[in-house]
């Protein structure tokens, strides 16, 4: 009497599961069939939209089991032992090999790239593969990771596009500004000279002006005090701001950007200070505290962030901090088409005591933290600065809205092609660094 063994049935169920998952990815699975020494089939990458295939192949070794408990199994992982002959055969070939363990009774499967896993000599010596149940599940979500393995063995190859729709958050803010500019002759030839004379008359006079060729260009009405004390007000002219903002003349554009930068300095007061060397604006330390928290609207809800914080201890006086870290940003005004935008780049400013720049180690500290922080951290900071700039300077019970500069949040850009987050998140830096406020970044994302 002829028989087909239970192990054959289990194996066929495993192949059916692999075949179904591969086709759900839009790829093609070719079972080896017939005589084979350790490869059950091939996966060929295919673009779901264009249906194009490019001979990008991965070999598959399936292992199907109905065991109730796998070797060294926990809630998060299990081990799968491999024979020395199998490992030798898989590693000897030219194509990437995927080991896929199928659990038909559970309706799931897990995968590993054999050549990547056994590149570690210790793993090769142990002759076992450890599967992570959270990250190694073989389902449609593994599609792009599998494509990346195929591409790694074919330099220059192009994978089918990840045709997923996602929103792109850009670090730009819309800019609004005063509608009128005033121009008038002056006896002063430089900003320095004009500024010194202005402070003698009114120390609190705004800084939204520039001096060019013994003339003043300003958002302020130069016919009013204290400006009329330093300008020939009778010769003053009034212009629409668009004569500078929309001009293609490079000199006028430079003057307009200089005026916007002057307005920025006034706009962020009194919350932020400016570091002239780096050009960064940063949160100032409170006089009576060593820490400052700022609550802002993240992508989901309001969250607090430490924007000024002390770190370490001084060797000569352990009661004093080694340094302070301040959240900061760099900015650049730019015109795209007919609109003006502010490009915001999050960064940090380091001080020795909350006020004096950390000139000896500040640069190294900044370099170090930039190496550690990842995309979520940078995005979280940008969202914080976006909240600050779009809400600061607005009208309150005690103050009018700042009239010469304002910022507007932009809608995300919708893209039809993107990179799945799981592909690049595993490449991010160590979020456990003491320099990195990971919890805050996570809350903001």
Protein backbone atom coordinates (compact mmCIF):
# COMPACT_ATOMS: atom_id res chain seq x y z
CA UNK A 1 0.00 0.00 0.00
CA UNK A 2 1.40 3.42 -0.99
CA UNK A 3 1.62 6.13 1.67
CA UNK A 4 2.37 9.80 1.85
CA UNK A 5 3.92 10.55 5.22
CA UNK A 6 2.77 13.18 7.72
CA UNK A 7 6.07 14.96 7.36
CA UNK A 8 5.37 15.40 3.65
CA UNK A 9 2.02 16.97 4.45
CA UNK A 10 3.58 19.29 7.01
CA UNK A 11 6.26 20.30 4.52
CA UNK A 12 3.69 21.00 1.83
CA UNK A 13 1.67 23.17 4.23
CA UNK A 14 4.83 25.13 4.89
CA UNK A 15 5.48 25.68 1.19
CA UNK A 16 1.86 26.73 0.68
CA UNK A 17 2.21 29.29 3.47
CA UNK A 18 5.43 30.69 1.97
CA UNK A 19 3.86 30.79 -1.49
CA UNK A 20 0.86 32.72 -0.17
CA UNK A 21 2.96 35.30 1.68
CA UNK A 22 5.30 35.85 -1.28
CA UNK A 23 2.39 36.43 -3.64
CA UNK A 24 0.77 38.82 -1.13
CA UNK A 25 3.97 40.88 -1.48
CA UNK A 26 3.46 41.01 -5.23
CA UNK A 27 6.58 38.88 -5.76
CA UNK A 28 6.75 35.50 -7.45
CA UNK A 29 7.62 32.18 -5.78
CA UNK A 30 9.06 29.30 -7.82
CA UNK A 31 9.14 25.98 -5.89
CA UNK A 32 12.24 24.00 -6.75
CA UNK A 33 10.42 20.69 -7.16
CA UNK A 34 12.18 17.46 -7.97
CA UNK A 35 15.60 16.72 -6.56
CA UNK A 36 17.10 19.45 -4.39
CA UNK A 37 19.93 19.56 -1.86
CA UNK A 38 18.67 22.25 0.48
CA UNK A 39 16.81 24.94 -1.45
CA UNK A 40 13.03 24.64 -1.68
CA UNK A 41 12.36 27.51 -4.04
CA UNK A 42 13.17 30.99 -5.34
CA UNK A 43 11.61 34.40 -4.80
CA UNK A 44 11.78 36.81 -7.74
CA UNK A 45 11.18 40.48 -7.06
CA UNK A 46 8.44 42.10 -9.11
CA UNK A 47 6.98 45.60 -9.28
CA UNK A 48 3.30 45.32 -8.36
CA UNK A 49 2.32 48.40 -10.35
CA UNK A 50 4.30 47.94 -13.56
CA UNK A 51 4.49 44.11 -13.29
CA UNK A 52 8.15 44.35 -14.32
CA UNK A 53 10.58 41.66 -13.12
CA UNK A 54 14.36 42.09 -13.21
CA UNK A 55 15.86 38.67 -12.38
CA UNK A 56 16.49 39.68 -8.77
CA UNK A 57 16.31 36.34 -6.97
CA UNK A 58 16.53 34.98 -3.42
CA UNK A 59 16.81 31.33 -2.52
CA UNK A 60 14.41 29.93 0.09
CA UNK A 61 14.84 27.05 2.49
CA UNK A 62 11.60 26.34 4.27
CA UNK A 63 11.32 24.45 7.55
CA UNK A 64 7.79 23.55 8.61
CA UNK A 65 7.00 22.17 12.04
CA UNK A 66 3.99 21.32 14.16
CA UNK A 67 5.92 21.24 17.42
CA UNK A 68 3.98 22.85 20.21
CA UNK A 69 7.09 24.33 21.74
CA UNK A 70 10.19 25.29 19.80
CA UNK A 71 13.73 25.11 21.05
CA UNK A 72 14.47 27.75 23.73
CA UNK A 73 11.14 29.40 22.94
CA UNK A 74 10.00 32.43 24.91
CA UNK A 75 7.30 34.98 24.27
CA UNK A 76 9.77 36.93 22.13
CA UNK A 77 12.11 34.42 20.48
CA UNK A 78 13.06 30.86 19.68
CA UNK A 79 16.05 28.98 18.31
CA UNK A 80 16.31 26.82 15.24
CA UNK A 81 19.32 24.47 15.00
CA UNK A 82 20.98 23.94 11.62
CA UNK A 83 23.23 21.12 10.48
CA UNK A 84 26.81 21.83 9.50
CA UNK A 85 26.14 20.50 5.99
CA UNK A 86 23.12 22.76 5.51
CA UNK A 87 25.04 25.83 6.66
CA UNK A 88 27.98 24.99 4.42
CA UNK A 89 25.68 24.54 1.42
CA UNK A 90 23.78 27.79 2.01
CA UNK A 91 26.91 29.87 2.53
CA UNK A 92 28.76 28.41 -0.45
CA UNK A 93 26.26 29.66 -3.03
CA UNK A 94 26.24 33.01 -4.81
CA UNK A 95 22.61 33.96 -4.12
CA UNK A 96 21.17 35.17 -0.76
CA UNK A 97 19.37 32.45 1.18
CA UNK A 98 16.32 32.95 3.38
CA UNK A 99 15.60 30.40 6.10
CA UNK A 100 11.85 30.47 6.72
CA UNK A 101 10.43 28.51 9.65
CA UNK A 102 6.71 27.93 9.16
CA UNK A 103 4.36 27.09 12.03
CA UNK A 104 1.21 25.91 10.20
CA UNK A 105 -0.81 25.32 13.37
CA UNK A 106 -0.21 28.92 14.42
CA UNK A 107 -0.64 30.27 10.89
CA UNK A 108 2.62 32.19 11.00
CA UNK A 109 6.24 32.04 9.84
CA UNK A 110 9.58 33.69 10.65
CA UNK A 111 12.57 34.39 8.43
CA UNK A 112 16.27 35.18 8.51
CA UNK A 113 18.86 35.97 5.88
CA UNK A 114 21.25 33.08 6.39
CA UNK A 115 24.38 34.72 4.98
CA UNK A 116 23.90 37.81 7.13
CA UNK A 117 23.16 35.79 10.26
CA UNK A 118 26.14 33.46 10.00
CA UNK A 119 28.56 36.25 9.11
CA UNK A 120 29.18 36.38 12.86
CA UNK A 121 31.77 33.65 13.76
CA UNK A 122 30.14 33.04 17.15
CA UNK A 123 26.79 32.35 15.51
CA UNK A 124 28.47 30.09 12.97
CA UNK A 125 30.10 28.17 15.78
CA UNK A 126 26.75 27.76 17.61
CA UNK A 127 25.04 26.50 14.42
CA UNK A 128 21.64 27.87 15.34
CA UNK A 129 19.45 30.73 14.23
CA UNK A 130 17.66 32.83 16.85
CA UNK A 131 14.39 34.25 15.55
CA UNK A 132 12.90 37.42 17.00
CA UNK A 133 9.12 36.99 17.02
CA UNK A 134 8.55 40.74 16.93
CA UNK A 135 10.86 41.61 14.06
CA UNK A 136 11.30 38.45 11.99
CA UNK A 137 7.73 37.57 11.09
CA UNK A 138 7.44 36.53 7.46
CA UNK A 139 4.45 38.44 6.17
CA UNK A 140 3.76 41.22 3.67
CA UNK A 141 5.47 43.76 5.92
CA UNK A 142 8.81 42.00 5.30
CA UNK A 143 8.63 42.88 1.61
CA UNK A 144 11.07 45.78 1.52
CA UNK A 145 13.53 44.15 3.92
CA UNK A 146 13.69 41.14 1.62
CA UNK A 147 14.19 43.43 -1.38
CA UNK A 148 17.08 45.13 0.42
CA UNK A 149 18.82 41.75 0.84
CA UNK A 150 18.47 41.00 -2.87
CA UNK A 151 19.89 44.42 -3.77
CA UNK A 152 22.86 43.98 -1.44
CA UNK A 153 24.17 41.18 -3.63
CA UNK A 154 23.58 43.08 -6.89
CA UNK A 155 25.34 46.47 -6.76
CA UNK A 156 23.58 49.00 -8.92
CA UNK A 157 20.32 47.07 -9.06
CA UNK A 158 17.09 48.97 -8.49
CA UNK A 159 14.31 47.44 -6.41
CA UNK A 160 10.64 47.84 -7.30
CA UNK A 161 9.43 51.10 -5.80
CA UNK A 162 7.84 51.04 -2.39
CA UNK A 163 4.53 52.42 -3.59
CA UNK A 164 3.20 53.47 -0.26
CA UNK A 165 1.60 56.80 0.42
CA UNK A 166 3.08 58.86 3.21
CA UNK A 167 3.17 62.43 4.40
CA UNK A 168 6.49 64.28 4.32
CA UNK A 169 7.09 66.83 7.05
CA UNK A 170 9.35 69.60 5.69
CA UNK A 171 11.34 71.90 7.95
CA UNK A 172 9.87 75.02 6.34
CA UNK A 173 7.49 77.59 7.75
CA UNK A 174 5.52 80.13 5.80
CA UNK A 175 6.55 83.73 6.49
CA UNK A 176 4.40 86.84 6.77
CA UNK A 177 5.88 90.32 7.25
CA UNK A 178 4.99 93.96 7.58
CA UNK A 179 3.26 95.32 4.48
CA UNK A 180 5.03 98.67 4.49
CA UNK A 181 8.70 99.71 4.39
CA UNK A 182 10.03 103.17 5.12
CA UNK A 183 13.17 104.71 3.62
CA UNK A 184 14.89 107.92 4.65
CA UNK A 185 18.37 109.54 4.41
CA UNK A 186 20.53 109.68 7.55
CA UNK A 187 23.88 111.12 8.52
CA UNK A 188 25.05 107.70 9.73
CA UNK A 189 26.91 105.47 7.30
CA UNK A 190 26.83 102.13 9.16
CA UNK A 191 24.51 99.96 11.25
CA UNK A 192 26.91 100.28 14.16
CA UNK A 193 26.91 104.06 14.12
CA UNK A 194 23.15 104.34 13.65
CA UNK A 195 22.46 101.73 16.33
CA UNK A 196 24.67 103.49 18.90
CA UNK A 197 22.96 106.81 18.27
CA UNK A 198 19.53 105.18 18.46
CA UNK A 199 20.23 103.51 21.80
CA UNK A 200 21.27 106.82 23.29
CA UNK A 201 17.85 108.20 22.45
CA UNK A 202 15.78 105.11 23.22
CA UNK A 203 17.47 101.94 24.53
CA UNK A 204 14.30 99.98 23.83
CA UNK A 205 13.90 101.04 20.21
CA UNK A 206 13.34 98.12 17.86
CA UNK A 207 16.08 96.70 15.67
CA UNK A 208 14.01 96.20 12.51
CA UNK A 209 16.09 98.51 10.31
CA UNK A 210 19.26 98.48 8.21
CA UNK A 211 21.56 101.24 7.01
CA UNK A 212 22.70 101.25 3.41
CA UNK A 213 24.57 104.13 1.70
CA UNK A 214 23.63 106.64 4.41
CA UNK A 215 19.96 105.69 4.16
CA UNK A 216 17.74 103.77 6.55
CA UNK A 217 15.32 101.06 5.44
CA UNK A 218 12.91 99.96 8.16
CA UNK A 219 9.59 98.43 9.05
CA UNK A 220 9.19 101.34 11.49
CA UNK A 221 7.61 104.62 10.45
CA UNK A 222 10.72 106.83 10.27
CA UNK A 223 8.60 109.96 10.59
CA UNK A 224 7.97 109.08 14.25
CA UNK A 225 10.08 109.39 17.39
CA UNK A 226 12.86 108.31 17.91
CA UNK A 227 13.57 107.57 14.28
CA UNK A 228 12.87 111.12 13.13
CA UNK A 229 15.71 112.28 15.37
CA UNK A 230 18.22 110.36 13.26
CA UNK A 231 16.62 110.48 9.81
CA UNK A 232 15.68 113.25 7.42
CA UNK A 233 12.00 112.56 7.95
CA UNK A 234 10.95 115.22 5.46
CA UNK A 235 12.62 113.16 2.73
CA UNK A 236 11.10 109.87 3.90
CA UNK A 237 9.49 107.60 1.32
CA UNK A 238 6.96 104.85 1.91
CA UNK A 239 6.93 101.61 -0.10
CA UNK A 240 5.00 98.39 -0.24
CA UNK A 241 7.16 95.55 1.15
CA UNK A 242 6.59 93.60 -2.05
CA UNK A 243 8.90 96.02 -3.89
CA UNK A 244 11.72 94.30 -1.99
CA UNK A 245 10.13 90.91 -1.32
CA UNK A 246 9.20 90.27 -4.96
CA UNK A 247 12.21 91.95 -6.53
CA UNK A 248 14.63 89.90 -8.61
CA UNK A 249 17.39 92.39 -7.88
CA UNK A 250 19.96 90.55 -5.74
CA UNK A 251 20.85 93.63 -3.69
CA UNK A 252 17.22 94.24 -2.81
CA UNK A 253 16.76 90.57 -1.89
CA UNK A 254 19.80 90.68 0.38
CA UNK A 255 18.53 93.85 2.04
CA UNK A 256 15.11 92.30 2.55
CA UNK A 257 16.59 89.15 4.11
CA UNK A 258 18.74 91.34 6.37
CA UNK A 259 15.61 93.17 7.46
CA UNK A 260 13.79 89.89 8.14
CA UNK A 261 16.75 88.69 10.19
CA UNK A 262 16.63 91.90 12.22
CA UNK A 263 12.92 91.32 12.76
CA UNK A 264 13.60 87.72 13.85
CA UNK A 265 15.89 88.97 16.59
CA UNK A 266 13.12 91.14 17.95
CA UNK A 267 10.37 88.58 17.36
CA UNK A 268 11.82 85.87 19.63
CA UNK A 269 12.42 88.20 22.59
CA UNK A 270 12.42 87.80 25.54
CA UNK A 271 12.26 84.00 25.49
CA UNK A 272 15.27 83.28 23.29
CA UNK A 273 18.80 84.56 23.14
CA UNK A 274 21.05 84.77 20.12
CA UNK A 275 24.56 83.38 19.75
CA UNK A 276 26.37 85.59 17.24
CA UNK A 277 29.13 83.08 16.52
CA UNK A 278 26.84 80.23 15.44
CA UNK A 279 23.79 82.29 14.51
CA UNK A 280 21.60 80.04 16.69
CA UNK A 281 18.65 81.18 18.75
CA UNK A 282 18.32 79.26 22.02
CA UNK A 283 16.21 79.13 25.16
CA UNK A 284 17.72 81.25 27.90
CA UNK A 285 18.25 79.82 31.37
CA UNK A 286 15.90 81.14 34.08
CA UNK A 287 17.70 83.19 36.71
CA UNK A 288 16.42 81.10 39.61
CA UNK A 289 16.43 77.60 38.12
CA UNK A 290 18.82 75.15 36.47
CA UNK A 291 16.16 73.66 34.21
CA UNK A 292 13.50 74.96 31.87
CA UNK A 293 10.66 72.87 30.43
CA UNK A 294 8.63 73.97 27.43
CA UNK A 295 5.23 72.44 26.62
CA UNK A 296 4.23 72.36 22.99
CA UNK A 297 1.74 70.76 20.64
CA UNK A 298 3.36 67.73 19.06
CA UNK A 299 1.90 65.73 16.18
CA UNK A 300 -0.46 64.06 18.67
CA UNK A 301 -0.83 66.04 21.86
CA UNK A 302 0.82 68.55 24.19
CA UNK A 303 4.14 67.29 25.56
CA UNK A 304 6.85 68.89 27.72
CA UNK A 305 10.51 69.03 26.71
CA UNK A 306 13.59 70.01 28.71
CA UNK A 307 14.92 72.91 26.68
CA UNK A 308 17.51 74.03 29.24
CA UNK A 309 19.16 71.48 31.49
CA UNK A 310 22.33 71.08 33.55
CA UNK A 311 24.69 68.14 33.04
CA UNK A 312 27.63 66.64 34.91
CA UNK A 313 29.71 68.07 37.74
CA UNK A 314 32.74 70.32 37.71
CA UNK A 315 35.93 68.69 38.94
CA UNK A 316 36.95 71.71 40.95
CA UNK A 317 33.48 72.16 42.46
CA UNK A 318 31.14 69.12 42.30
CA UNK A 319 28.22 71.24 43.49
CA UNK A 320 28.26 73.09 40.16
CA UNK A 321 27.25 71.58 36.79
CA UNK A 322 29.85 70.83 34.14
CA UNK A 323 27.74 72.49 31.47
CA UNK A 324 24.23 73.43 30.35
CA UNK A 325 22.53 72.27 27.19
CA UNK A 326 20.05 74.62 25.50
CA UNK A 327 17.66 73.67 22.71
CA UNK A 328 18.37 75.93 19.74
CA UNK A 329 17.68 76.42 16.06
CA UNK A 330 19.33 77.90 13.01
CA UNK A 331 17.20 79.59 10.38
CA UNK A 332 17.41 80.80 6.82
CA UNK A 333 14.88 82.93 4.96
CA UNK A 334 14.39 81.88 1.37
CA UNK A 335 11.98 82.69 -1.45
CA UNK A 336 10.48 79.76 -3.35
CA UNK A 337 8.42 80.90 -6.30
CA UNK A 338 6.61 83.99 -5.08
CA UNK A 339 6.44 82.98 -1.41
CA UNK A 340 8.89 83.48 1.46
CA UNK A 341 9.73 80.65 3.84
CA UNK A 342 11.93 80.12 6.88
CA UNK A 343 14.05 76.97 6.86
CA UNK A 344 14.38 75.79 10.48
CA UNK A 345 17.27 73.52 11.50
CA UNK A 346 17.14 72.26 15.12
CA UNK A 347 20.45 72.28 16.98
CA UNK A 348 21.88 72.88 20.45
CA UNK A 349 23.81 75.57 22.29
CA UNK A 350 26.13 74.74 25.18
CA UNK A 351 27.10 77.06 28.01
CA UNK A 352 29.36 76.70 31.04
CA UNK A 353 26.95 78.22 33.54
CA UNK A 354 23.74 78.79 31.63
CA UNK A 355 25.02 82.07 30.16
CA UNK A 356 28.67 81.98 29.04
CA UNK A 357 29.36 79.88 25.92
CA UNK A 358 31.19 76.60 26.47
CA UNK A 359 34.01 77.59 24.14
CA UNK A 360 36.32 74.70 25.08
CA UNK A 361 33.95 71.75 24.74
CA UNK A 362 30.76 73.11 23.17
CA UNK A 363 31.78 72.11 19.65
CA UNK A 364 32.66 68.57 20.69
CA UNK A 365 29.43 68.19 22.68
CA UNK A 366 27.41 69.34 19.68
CA UNK A 367 29.24 66.91 17.38
CA UNK A 368 28.62 64.06 19.81
CA UNK A 369 24.90 64.66 20.22
CA UNK A 370 24.44 65.04 16.47
CA UNK A 371 25.99 61.58 16.07
CA UNK A 372 23.55 60.11 18.59
CA UNK A 373 20.22 61.69 17.79
CA UNK A 374 18.05 60.10 15.15
CA UNK A 375 15.27 61.14 12.80
CA UNK A 376 12.60 61.05 15.51
CA UNK A 377 14.64 63.37 17.72
CA UNK A 378 15.22 65.92 14.97
CA UNK A 379 11.59 65.79 13.90
CA UNK A 380 10.43 66.24 17.51
CA UNK A 381 12.61 69.32 17.88
CA UNK A 382 11.40 70.80 14.62
CA UNK A 383 7.78 70.31 15.71
CA UNK A 384 8.62 72.09 18.96
CA UNK A 385 10.21 75.04 17.17
CA UNK A 386 7.31 75.14 14.72
CA UNK A 387 4.93 75.44 17.67
CA UNK A 388 7.05 78.15 19.26
CA UNK A 389 7.42 80.26 16.13
CA UNK A 390 3.79 79.98 15.07
CA UNK A 391 2.42 80.87 18.51
CA UNK A 392 5.01 83.30 19.87
CA UNK A 393 4.38 86.98 19.28
CA UNK A 394 0.63 86.59 18.93
CA UNK A 395 -1.78 88.96 20.64
CA UNK A 396 -2.52 88.44 24.34
CA UNK A 397 -4.32 90.34 27.09
CA UNK A 398 -1.08 92.11 27.87
CA UNK A 399 0.56 92.60 24.47
CA UNK A 400 -0.30 93.29 20.86
CA UNK A 401 0.68 90.93 18.10
CA UNK A 402 4.18 91.48 16.80
CA UNK A 403 3.52 93.44 13.60
CA UNK A 404 6.60 92.90 11.44
CA UNK A 405 7.06 89.11 11.26
CA UNK A 406 4.96 85.98 11.63
CA UNK A 407 5.18 82.28 10.84
CA UNK A 408 2.70 79.79 9.46
CA UNK A 409 2.80 75.97 9.72
CA UNK A 410 2.67 74.22 6.35
CA UNK A 411 0.64 71.13 5.47
CA UNK A 412 2.70 67.94 5.02
CA UNK A 413 3.61 66.97 1.47
CA UNK A 414 1.78 63.85 0.32
CA UNK A 415 4.05 61.38 -1.51
CA UNK A 416 2.97 58.30 -3.43
CA UNK A 417 6.37 56.60 -3.06
CA UNK A 418 8.08 56.16 0.28
CA UNK A 419 10.43 54.07 2.38
CA UNK A 420 8.83 51.84 5.03
CA UNK A 421 9.82 53.04 8.48
CA UNK A 422 10.97 49.61 9.63
CA UNK A 423 13.78 49.61 7.05
CA UNK A 424 15.61 52.63 8.38
CA UNK A 425 14.54 52.67 12.02
CA UNK A 426 16.83 49.71 12.76
CA UNK A 427 19.75 51.81 11.50
CA UNK A 428 19.09 54.63 13.96
CA UNK A 429 21.55 55.49 16.70
CA UNK A 430 21.43 54.44 20.30
CA UNK A 431 18.36 56.08 21.87
CA UNK A 432 19.58 55.26 25.36
CA UNK A 433 22.28 57.88 25.37
CA UNK A 434 22.15 60.23 28.36
CA UNK A 435 22.54 63.10 25.90
CA UNK A 436 19.37 62.16 24.16
CA UNK A 437 15.84 62.82 25.38
CA UNK A 438 14.41 59.74 23.74
CA UNK A 439 11.13 59.72 25.64
CA UNK A 440 10.42 63.25 24.56
CA UNK A 441 11.22 62.49 20.94
CA UNK A 442 8.98 59.45 21.01
CA UNK A 443 6.16 61.44 22.53
CA UNK A 444 6.54 64.06 19.85
CA UNK A 445 6.53 61.67 16.92
